[in-house]
N, C-alpha and C. Protein backbone atom coordinates (compact mmCIF):
# COMPACT_ATOMS: atom_id res chain seq x y z
N MET A 1 0.77 -1.22 -0.07
CA MET A 1 0.06 -0.06 0.03
C MET A 1 0.82 1.12 0.01
N ARG A 2 2.04 1.14 0.66
CA ARG A 2 2.87 2.37 0.64
C ARG A 2 3.35 2.61 -0.66
N PHE A 3 3.66 1.79 -1.57
CA PHE A 3 4.13 2.15 -2.86
C PHE A 3 3.00 2.71 -3.63
N PHE A 4 1.84 2.37 -3.49
CA PHE A 4 0.69 2.85 -4.24
C PHE A 4 0.37 4.31 -3.86
N SER A 5 0.41 4.58 -2.56
CA SER A 5 0.22 5.95 -2.09
C SER A 5 1.31 6.91 -2.53
N SER A 6 2.63 6.48 -2.57
CA SER A 6 3.60 7.36 -2.94
C SER A 6 3.55 7.63 -4.51
N THR A 7 3.09 6.65 -5.23
CA THR A 7 3.03 6.77 -6.69
C THR A 7 1.79 7.79 -7.08
N LEU A 8 0.73 7.81 -6.17
CA LEU A 8 -0.22 8.81 -6.31
C LEU A 8 0.12 10.17 -6.09
N VAL A 9 0.92 10.32 -4.99
CA VAL A 9 1.50 11.58 -4.62
C VAL A 9 2.37 12.14 -5.75
N THR A 10 3.20 11.18 -6.40
CA THR A 10 3.99 11.63 -7.48
C THR A 10 3.35 12.01 -8.72
N LEU A 11 2.37 11.24 -9.12
CA LEU A 11 1.40 11.54 -10.18
C LEU A 11 0.73 12.90 -9.92
N TYR A 12 0.17 13.12 -8.71
CA TYR A 12 -0.43 14.39 -8.32
C TYR A 12 0.53 15.54 -8.55
N ALA A 13 1.76 15.34 -8.06
CA ALA A 13 2.64 16.48 -8.08
C ALA A 13 3.01 16.79 -9.60
N LEU A 14 3.23 15.83 -10.45
CA LEU A 14 3.43 16.04 -11.88
C LEU A 14 2.29 16.60 -12.57
N SER A 15 1.08 16.23 -12.20
CA SER A 15 -0.08 16.87 -12.76
C SER A 15 -0.14 18.32 -12.43
N ALA A 16 0.05 18.60 -11.20
CA ALA A 16 -0.05 20.03 -10.77
C ALA A 16 0.85 20.95 -11.45
N GLY A 17 2.07 20.35 -11.68
CA GLY A 17 3.18 21.13 -12.34
C GLY A 17 2.68 21.43 -13.84
N ALA A 18 2.15 20.43 -14.47
CA ALA A 18 1.78 20.49 -15.75
C ALA A 18 0.63 21.56 -15.96
N LEU A 19 -0.28 21.50 -14.93
CA LEU A 19 -1.39 22.55 -15.06
C LEU A 19 -0.84 23.92 -14.79
N ALA A 20 0.16 24.15 -14.17
CA ALA A 20 0.62 25.40 -13.69
C ALA A 20 1.26 26.12 -14.87
N MET A 21 1.73 25.51 -15.82
CA MET A 21 2.40 26.09 -17.10
C MET A 21 1.20 26.42 -18.05
N PRO A 22 1.30 27.65 -18.39
CA PRO A 22 0.35 28.08 -19.42
C PRO A 22 0.72 27.46 -20.87
N THR A 23 -0.23 26.89 -21.57
CA THR A 23 0.28 26.21 -22.81
C THR A 23 -0.82 26.54 -23.87
N LEU A 24 -0.50 26.59 -25.17
CA LEU A 24 -1.34 26.60 -26.34
C LEU A 24 -0.80 25.61 -27.31
N ASP A 25 -1.56 24.59 -27.51
CA ASP A 25 -1.26 23.52 -28.32
C ASP A 25 0.18 22.87 -27.89
N GLY A 26 0.27 22.77 -26.68
CA GLY A 26 1.51 22.07 -25.96
C GLY A 26 2.73 22.95 -26.00
N ALA A 27 2.54 24.18 -26.25
CA ALA A 27 3.79 25.03 -26.19
C ALA A 27 3.61 26.20 -25.26
N SER A 28 4.55 26.66 -24.64
CA SER A 28 4.62 27.69 -23.78
C SER A 28 4.14 28.90 -24.25
N LEU A 29 3.21 29.70 -23.74
CA LEU A 29 2.90 31.00 -24.27
C LEU A 29 3.98 31.96 -24.29
N ALA A 30 4.81 31.89 -23.39
CA ALA A 30 6.04 32.74 -23.25
C ALA A 30 6.98 32.56 -24.48
N THR A 31 7.09 31.29 -24.83
CA THR A 31 8.04 30.84 -25.92
C THR A 31 7.43 31.47 -27.20
N ARG A 32 6.15 31.35 -27.50
CA ARG A 32 5.63 31.75 -28.79
C ARG A 32 5.67 33.25 -28.70
N GLU A 33 5.37 33.94 -27.70
CA GLU A 33 5.43 35.38 -27.75
C GLU A 33 7.04 35.96 -28.03
N GLN A 34 7.93 35.23 -27.35
CA GLN A 34 9.27 35.59 -27.56
C GLN A 34 9.60 35.49 -29.16
N LEU A 35 9.17 34.43 -29.80
CA LEU A 35 9.37 34.21 -31.21
C LEU A 35 8.59 35.07 -32.15
N ASP A 36 7.37 35.33 -31.76
CA ASP A 36 6.48 36.17 -32.66
C ASP A 36 7.24 37.35 -33.18
N GLY A 37 7.22 37.52 -34.47
CA GLY A 37 7.75 38.76 -34.98
C GLY A 37 9.37 38.59 -35.32
N THR A 38 9.83 37.58 -34.97
CA THR A 38 11.27 37.30 -35.18
C THR A 38 11.61 36.60 -36.54
N ASP A 39 12.68 37.02 -37.07
CA ASP A 39 13.04 36.53 -38.55
C ASP A 39 13.13 34.91 -38.49
N ALA A 40 12.48 34.24 -39.36
CA ALA A 40 12.53 32.85 -39.32
C ALA A 40 13.67 32.32 -40.34
N SER A 41 14.19 33.24 -40.96
CA SER A 41 15.30 32.82 -42.01
C SER A 41 14.79 31.85 -43.04
N LEU A 42 13.58 32.13 -43.47
CA LEU A 42 12.85 31.43 -44.35
C LEU A 42 12.07 32.12 -45.40
N VAL A 43 12.01 31.73 -46.52
CA VAL A 43 11.39 32.30 -47.76
C VAL A 43 10.41 31.27 -48.27
N ILE A 44 9.03 31.55 -48.34
CA ILE A 44 8.03 30.63 -48.85
C ILE A 44 7.82 31.13 -50.22
N THR A 45 7.79 30.26 -51.28
CA THR A 45 7.48 30.65 -52.61
C THR A 45 6.10 30.08 -52.75
N THR A 46 5.05 30.87 -53.13
CA THR A 46 3.72 30.27 -53.34
C THR A 46 3.44 30.54 -54.75
N PHE A 47 2.45 29.57 -55.08
CA PHE A 47 1.95 29.54 -56.49
C PHE A 47 0.45 29.45 -56.49
N ASN A 48 -0.25 30.09 -57.34
CA ASN A 48 -1.76 29.90 -57.31
C ASN A 48 -2.27 28.89 -58.21
N VAL A 49 -1.38 27.86 -58.55
CA VAL A 49 -1.70 26.85 -59.45
C VAL A 49 -0.93 25.67 -58.87
N PRO A 50 -1.39 24.38 -59.20
CA PRO A 50 -0.57 23.22 -58.83
C PRO A 50 0.68 23.08 -59.46
N GLY A 51 1.71 22.46 -58.82
CA GLY A 51 2.92 21.99 -59.48
C GLY A 51 4.20 23.05 -59.34
N CYS A 52 3.86 24.13 -58.60
CA CYS A 52 4.95 25.17 -58.39
C CYS A 52 5.65 25.57 -59.80
N PRO A 53 4.79 25.99 -60.77
CA PRO A 53 5.55 26.25 -62.16
C PRO A 53 6.09 27.79 -62.03
N GLY A 54 7.18 28.01 -62.70
CA GLY A 54 7.61 29.32 -62.81
C GLY A 54 8.36 29.78 -61.51
N THR A 55 8.26 31.12 -61.36
CA THR A 55 8.92 31.69 -60.23
C THR A 55 8.12 31.93 -59.00
N GLY A 56 6.78 32.02 -59.14
CA GLY A 56 6.00 32.16 -58.00
C GLY A 56 6.10 33.55 -57.28
N SER A 57 5.57 33.60 -56.06
CA SER A 57 5.64 34.87 -55.32
C SER A 57 6.47 34.64 -54.01
N GLN A 58 7.65 35.13 -53.83
CA GLN A 58 8.51 34.83 -52.82
C GLN A 58 8.26 35.81 -51.53
N GLN A 59 8.03 35.15 -50.50
CA GLN A 59 7.59 35.90 -49.21
C GLN A 59 8.49 35.47 -48.11
N PRO A 60 9.46 36.31 -47.70
CA PRO A 60 10.31 36.08 -46.50
C PRO A 60 9.22 36.14 -45.25
N VAL A 61 9.39 35.42 -44.32
CA VAL A 61 8.45 35.18 -43.20
C VAL A 61 9.11 35.33 -41.94
N THR A 62 8.41 35.78 -40.91
CA THR A 62 8.77 35.91 -39.67
C THR A 62 7.81 35.02 -38.75
N TYR A 63 8.23 34.51 -37.62
CA TYR A 63 7.48 33.70 -36.77
C TYR A 63 6.16 34.49 -36.32
N GLY A 64 4.96 33.88 -36.43
CA GLY A 64 3.74 34.44 -35.97
C GLY A 64 3.11 35.26 -36.81
N ASP A 65 3.64 35.76 -37.82
CA ASP A 65 2.89 36.78 -38.69
C ASP A 65 2.03 36.01 -39.77
N ARG A 66 0.89 36.61 -40.04
CA ARG A 66 0.02 36.05 -41.20
C ARG A 66 0.27 36.89 -42.47
N TYR A 67 0.20 36.03 -43.55
CA TYR A 67 0.41 36.52 -44.77
C TYR A 67 -0.86 36.25 -45.79
N THR A 68 -1.26 37.25 -46.51
CA THR A 68 -2.32 37.14 -47.42
C THR A 68 -1.83 37.10 -48.78
N LEU A 69 -2.12 35.95 -49.45
CA LEU A 69 -1.98 35.78 -50.85
C LEU A 69 -2.41 34.31 -51.09
N PRO A 70 -3.02 34.16 -52.44
CA PRO A 70 -3.48 32.76 -52.68
C PRO A 70 -2.45 31.78 -52.89
N VAL A 71 -2.66 30.51 -52.19
CA VAL A 71 -1.71 29.47 -52.28
C VAL A 71 -2.43 28.20 -52.72
N VAL A 72 -1.89 27.55 -53.89
CA VAL A 72 -2.30 26.15 -54.15
C VAL A 72 -1.19 25.17 -53.98
N SER A 73 0.00 25.77 -54.31
CA SER A 73 1.22 24.96 -54.08
C SER A 73 2.34 25.91 -53.64
N TYR A 74 3.31 25.40 -52.98
CA TYR A 74 4.49 26.13 -52.45
C TYR A 74 5.70 25.28 -52.34
N ASN A 75 6.83 26.09 -52.07
CA ASN A 75 8.04 25.35 -51.58
C ASN A 75 8.75 26.29 -50.48
N VAL A 76 9.59 25.76 -49.85
CA VAL A 76 10.37 26.49 -48.73
C VAL A 76 11.82 26.54 -49.09
N SER A 77 12.48 27.61 -48.55
CA SER A 77 13.89 27.94 -48.97
C SER A 77 14.87 27.10 -48.12
N ARG A 78 14.27 26.47 -46.99
CA ARG A 78 15.22 25.68 -46.10
C ARG A 78 14.40 24.50 -45.51
N PRO A 79 14.96 23.59 -45.09
CA PRO A 79 14.17 22.42 -44.36
C PRO A 79 13.67 23.06 -43.01
N LEU A 80 12.45 22.64 -42.70
CA LEU A 80 11.86 23.03 -41.57
C LEU A 80 12.15 22.03 -40.48
N VAL A 81 12.25 22.46 -39.20
CA VAL A 81 12.68 21.59 -38.14
C VAL A 81 11.42 21.24 -37.28
N MET A 82 11.60 20.30 -36.36
CA MET A 82 10.43 19.94 -35.60
C MET A 82 10.01 21.04 -34.80
N GLY A 83 8.62 21.25 -34.76
CA GLY A 83 7.97 22.38 -34.06
C GLY A 83 7.63 23.41 -34.92
N GLU A 84 8.33 23.58 -36.10
CA GLU A 84 7.90 24.61 -37.03
C GLU A 84 6.73 24.14 -37.92
N GLN A 85 5.85 25.12 -38.17
CA GLN A 85 4.63 24.56 -39.05
C GLN A 85 4.05 25.79 -39.82
N LEU A 86 3.44 25.41 -40.82
CA LEU A 86 2.72 26.46 -41.69
C LEU A 86 1.27 26.09 -41.51
N ASP A 87 0.33 27.08 -41.20
CA ASP A 87 -1.11 26.88 -41.06
C ASP A 87 -1.62 27.63 -42.41
N PHE A 88 -2.51 26.95 -43.11
CA PHE A 88 -3.21 27.55 -44.18
C PHE A 88 -4.63 27.85 -43.82
N SER A 89 -5.29 28.86 -44.39
CA SER A 89 -6.60 29.22 -44.02
C SER A 89 -7.24 29.97 -45.32
N ASP A 90 -8.46 30.01 -45.26
CA ASP A 90 -9.23 30.76 -46.31
C ASP A 90 -10.24 31.62 -45.60
N TYR A 91 -10.97 32.45 -46.47
CA TYR A 91 -11.96 33.34 -45.85
C TYR A 91 -13.09 32.57 -45.35
N ALA A 92 -13.72 32.92 -44.27
CA ALA A 92 -14.95 32.36 -43.71
C ALA A 92 -16.08 32.66 -44.58
N PRO A 93 -17.19 31.81 -44.71
CA PRO A 93 -18.25 32.15 -45.55
C PRO A 93 -19.05 33.40 -44.98
N GLY A 94 -19.19 34.33 -46.08
CA GLY A 94 -20.07 35.52 -45.64
C GLY A 94 -19.02 36.68 -45.36
N VAL A 95 -17.67 36.49 -45.25
CA VAL A 95 -16.89 37.52 -44.92
C VAL A 95 -16.33 38.17 -46.15
N ALA A 96 -16.22 39.48 -46.23
CA ALA A 96 -15.73 40.04 -47.58
C ALA A 96 -14.17 39.88 -47.61
N PRO A 97 -13.74 39.41 -48.83
CA PRO A 97 -12.38 39.16 -49.03
C PRO A 97 -11.43 40.52 -48.91
N TYR A 98 -10.25 40.39 -48.24
CA TYR A 98 -9.45 41.47 -48.12
C TYR A 98 -10.00 42.60 -47.24
N SER A 99 -10.79 42.18 -46.20
CA SER A 99 -11.20 43.04 -45.19
C SER A 99 -10.05 43.22 -44.19
N PRO A 100 -9.23 44.23 -44.37
CA PRO A 100 -7.98 44.35 -43.45
C PRO A 100 -8.47 44.48 -42.00
N ASP A 101 -7.53 43.79 -41.11
CA ASP A 101 -7.73 44.08 -39.64
C ASP A 101 -6.69 45.19 -39.35
N VAL A 102 -6.48 45.30 -38.06
CA VAL A 102 -5.50 46.36 -37.63
C VAL A 102 -3.98 46.21 -38.15
N ASN A 103 -3.75 44.97 -38.52
CA ASN A 103 -2.31 44.82 -38.87
C ASN A 103 -2.24 44.74 -40.45
N GLY A 104 -3.33 45.10 -41.05
CA GLY A 104 -3.33 45.05 -42.53
C GLY A 104 -3.46 43.65 -43.25
N VAL A 105 -3.77 42.70 -42.37
CA VAL A 105 -4.04 41.31 -42.83
C VAL A 105 -5.41 40.96 -42.91
N ALA A 106 -5.87 40.25 -43.86
CA ALA A 106 -7.44 39.91 -43.93
C ALA A 106 -7.89 39.26 -42.67
N SER A 107 -8.74 39.93 -42.01
CA SER A 107 -9.28 39.53 -40.77
C SER A 107 -10.27 38.31 -41.01
N GLY A 108 -10.85 38.15 -42.19
CA GLY A 108 -11.68 37.10 -42.51
C GLY A 108 -11.20 35.87 -42.72
N CYS A 109 -9.91 35.68 -42.78
CA CYS A 109 -9.07 34.42 -43.01
C CYS A 109 -9.17 33.61 -41.86
N THR A 110 -10.24 33.09 -41.46
CA THR A 110 -10.45 32.27 -40.30
C THR A 110 -10.82 30.83 -40.57
N LEU A 111 -11.06 30.56 -41.73
CA LEU A 111 -11.45 29.18 -42.05
C LEU A 111 -10.22 28.26 -42.20
N PHE A 112 -9.89 27.53 -41.12
CA PHE A 112 -8.80 26.79 -41.20
C PHE A 112 -8.69 25.66 -42.25
N LEU A 113 -7.74 25.47 -43.10
CA LEU A 113 -7.83 24.43 -44.02
C LEU A 113 -6.75 23.21 -43.66
N GLU A 114 -5.57 23.47 -43.34
CA GLU A 114 -4.70 22.34 -42.94
C GLU A 114 -3.41 23.09 -42.23
N THR A 115 -2.56 22.24 -41.60
CA THR A 115 -1.31 22.44 -41.16
C THR A 115 -0.25 21.60 -41.64
N THR A 116 0.82 22.04 -41.86
CA THR A 116 1.92 21.24 -42.37
C THR A 116 3.07 21.08 -41.49
N ASN A 117 4.00 20.20 -41.66
CA ASN A 117 5.14 19.86 -40.92
C ASN A 117 4.92 19.17 -39.62
N PRO A 118 4.99 17.87 -39.59
CA PRO A 118 5.40 17.06 -40.71
C PRO A 118 4.26 16.99 -41.78
N ASP A 119 4.68 16.45 -43.03
CA ASP A 119 3.58 16.50 -44.00
C ASP A 119 2.79 15.24 -43.93
N SER A 120 1.90 15.00 -44.84
CA SER A 120 0.88 13.88 -44.64
C SER A 120 1.58 12.46 -44.64
N ASN A 121 2.85 12.47 -45.01
CA ASN A 121 3.67 11.16 -44.88
C ASN A 121 4.62 11.11 -43.68
N ASN A 122 4.37 12.18 -42.83
CA ASN A 122 5.10 12.27 -41.53
C ASN A 122 6.60 12.58 -41.77
N HIS A 123 6.81 13.30 -42.87
CA HIS A 123 8.18 13.86 -43.07
C HIS A 123 8.27 15.28 -42.93
N MET A 124 9.47 15.81 -42.43
CA MET A 124 9.63 17.16 -42.37
C MET A 124 9.70 17.83 -43.62
N LEU A 125 9.19 19.05 -43.68
CA LEU A 125 9.25 19.76 -45.06
C LEU A 125 10.63 20.17 -45.28
N THR A 126 10.90 20.05 -46.62
CA THR A 126 12.37 20.36 -46.99
C THR A 126 12.43 21.28 -48.29
N ASN A 127 13.57 21.96 -48.45
CA ASN A 127 13.77 22.77 -49.71
C ASN A 127 13.68 22.00 -50.91
N ASN A 128 13.56 22.73 -51.98
CA ASN A 128 13.52 22.05 -53.26
C ASN A 128 12.54 21.04 -53.49
N VAL A 129 11.39 21.04 -53.00
CA VAL A 129 10.35 20.15 -52.98
C VAL A 129 9.13 20.99 -53.18
N CYS A 130 8.31 20.63 -54.21
CA CYS A 130 7.00 21.32 -54.40
C CYS A 130 5.77 20.63 -53.60
N TYR A 131 5.16 21.36 -52.66
CA TYR A 131 4.08 20.78 -51.84
C TYR A 131 2.82 21.52 -52.39
N GLU A 132 1.78 20.62 -52.29
CA GLU A 132 0.46 21.14 -52.64
C GLU A 132 -0.60 20.92 -51.59
N LEU A 133 -1.53 21.98 -51.42
CA LEU A 133 -2.64 21.77 -50.48
C LEU A 133 -3.35 20.56 -50.75
N THR A 134 -3.89 19.86 -49.75
CA THR A 134 -4.79 18.74 -50.03
C THR A 134 -6.08 18.98 -50.79
N ASN A 135 -6.55 18.16 -51.47
CA ASN A 135 -7.93 18.20 -52.20
C ASN A 135 -7.94 19.40 -52.99
N ASN A 136 -6.87 19.82 -53.62
CA ASN A 136 -6.78 20.98 -54.63
C ASN A 136 -7.33 22.21 -53.97
N ALA A 137 -7.18 22.45 -52.64
CA ALA A 137 -7.67 23.65 -51.87
C ALA A 137 -6.85 24.82 -52.31
N THR A 138 -7.50 25.95 -52.22
CA THR A 138 -6.82 27.32 -52.32
C THR A 138 -6.90 28.06 -51.06
N ALA A 139 -5.75 28.24 -50.44
CA ALA A 139 -5.84 28.98 -49.21
C ALA A 139 -5.45 30.54 -49.68
N GLN A 140 -5.98 31.34 -48.81
CA GLN A 140 -5.86 32.83 -48.99
C GLN A 140 -4.84 33.48 -48.07
N CYS A 141 -4.57 32.64 -47.05
CA CYS A 141 -3.73 33.16 -46.07
C CYS A 141 -2.75 31.96 -45.43
N PHE A 142 -1.57 32.38 -44.92
CA PHE A 142 -0.83 31.44 -44.20
C PHE A 142 -0.16 32.01 -43.05
N ARG A 143 0.11 31.18 -42.13
CA ARG A 143 0.99 31.73 -40.92
C ARG A 143 2.06 30.70 -40.66
N PHE A 144 3.19 31.19 -40.41
CA PHE A 144 4.29 30.22 -39.95
C PHE A 144 4.60 30.49 -38.53
N TRP A 145 4.74 29.51 -37.75
CA TRP A 145 5.01 29.64 -36.42
C TRP A 145 5.74 28.25 -35.68
N LYS A 146 6.26 28.44 -34.60
CA LYS A 146 6.97 27.35 -33.94
C LYS A 146 6.38 27.06 -32.59
N HIS A 147 6.12 25.88 -32.29
CA HIS A 147 5.46 25.58 -30.96
C HIS A 147 6.52 24.57 -30.30
């Protein structure tokens, strides 16, 4: 019985510590806030058609910022590491496209489409590879962040 009660105390202590840390999707809020706005040393080249043809639109990105431009396919300038990810969104139904919010980014871009890294095959995204959104979707916005 003594082993059982000490195990419960240990589990309770670990649970209390986990609950005390503010998290968002498993990441510390402080960590995200520290990274937001910092240079990610990454350029995302987006294309509004499948297959990444031609030169596309090159967008240097910072952690936490949202970018408004149509995306069907894309590539990245460097391999992404564990914890880095791209979120793709579209305009919510009934919201006027390109309605800017206070940061000049479309506030209506709240319809989540997908997140990447790892990709659907559980591989980290890497440079020199063309990626396409699933189901031939077109995203109007993306956000790059690290958790």
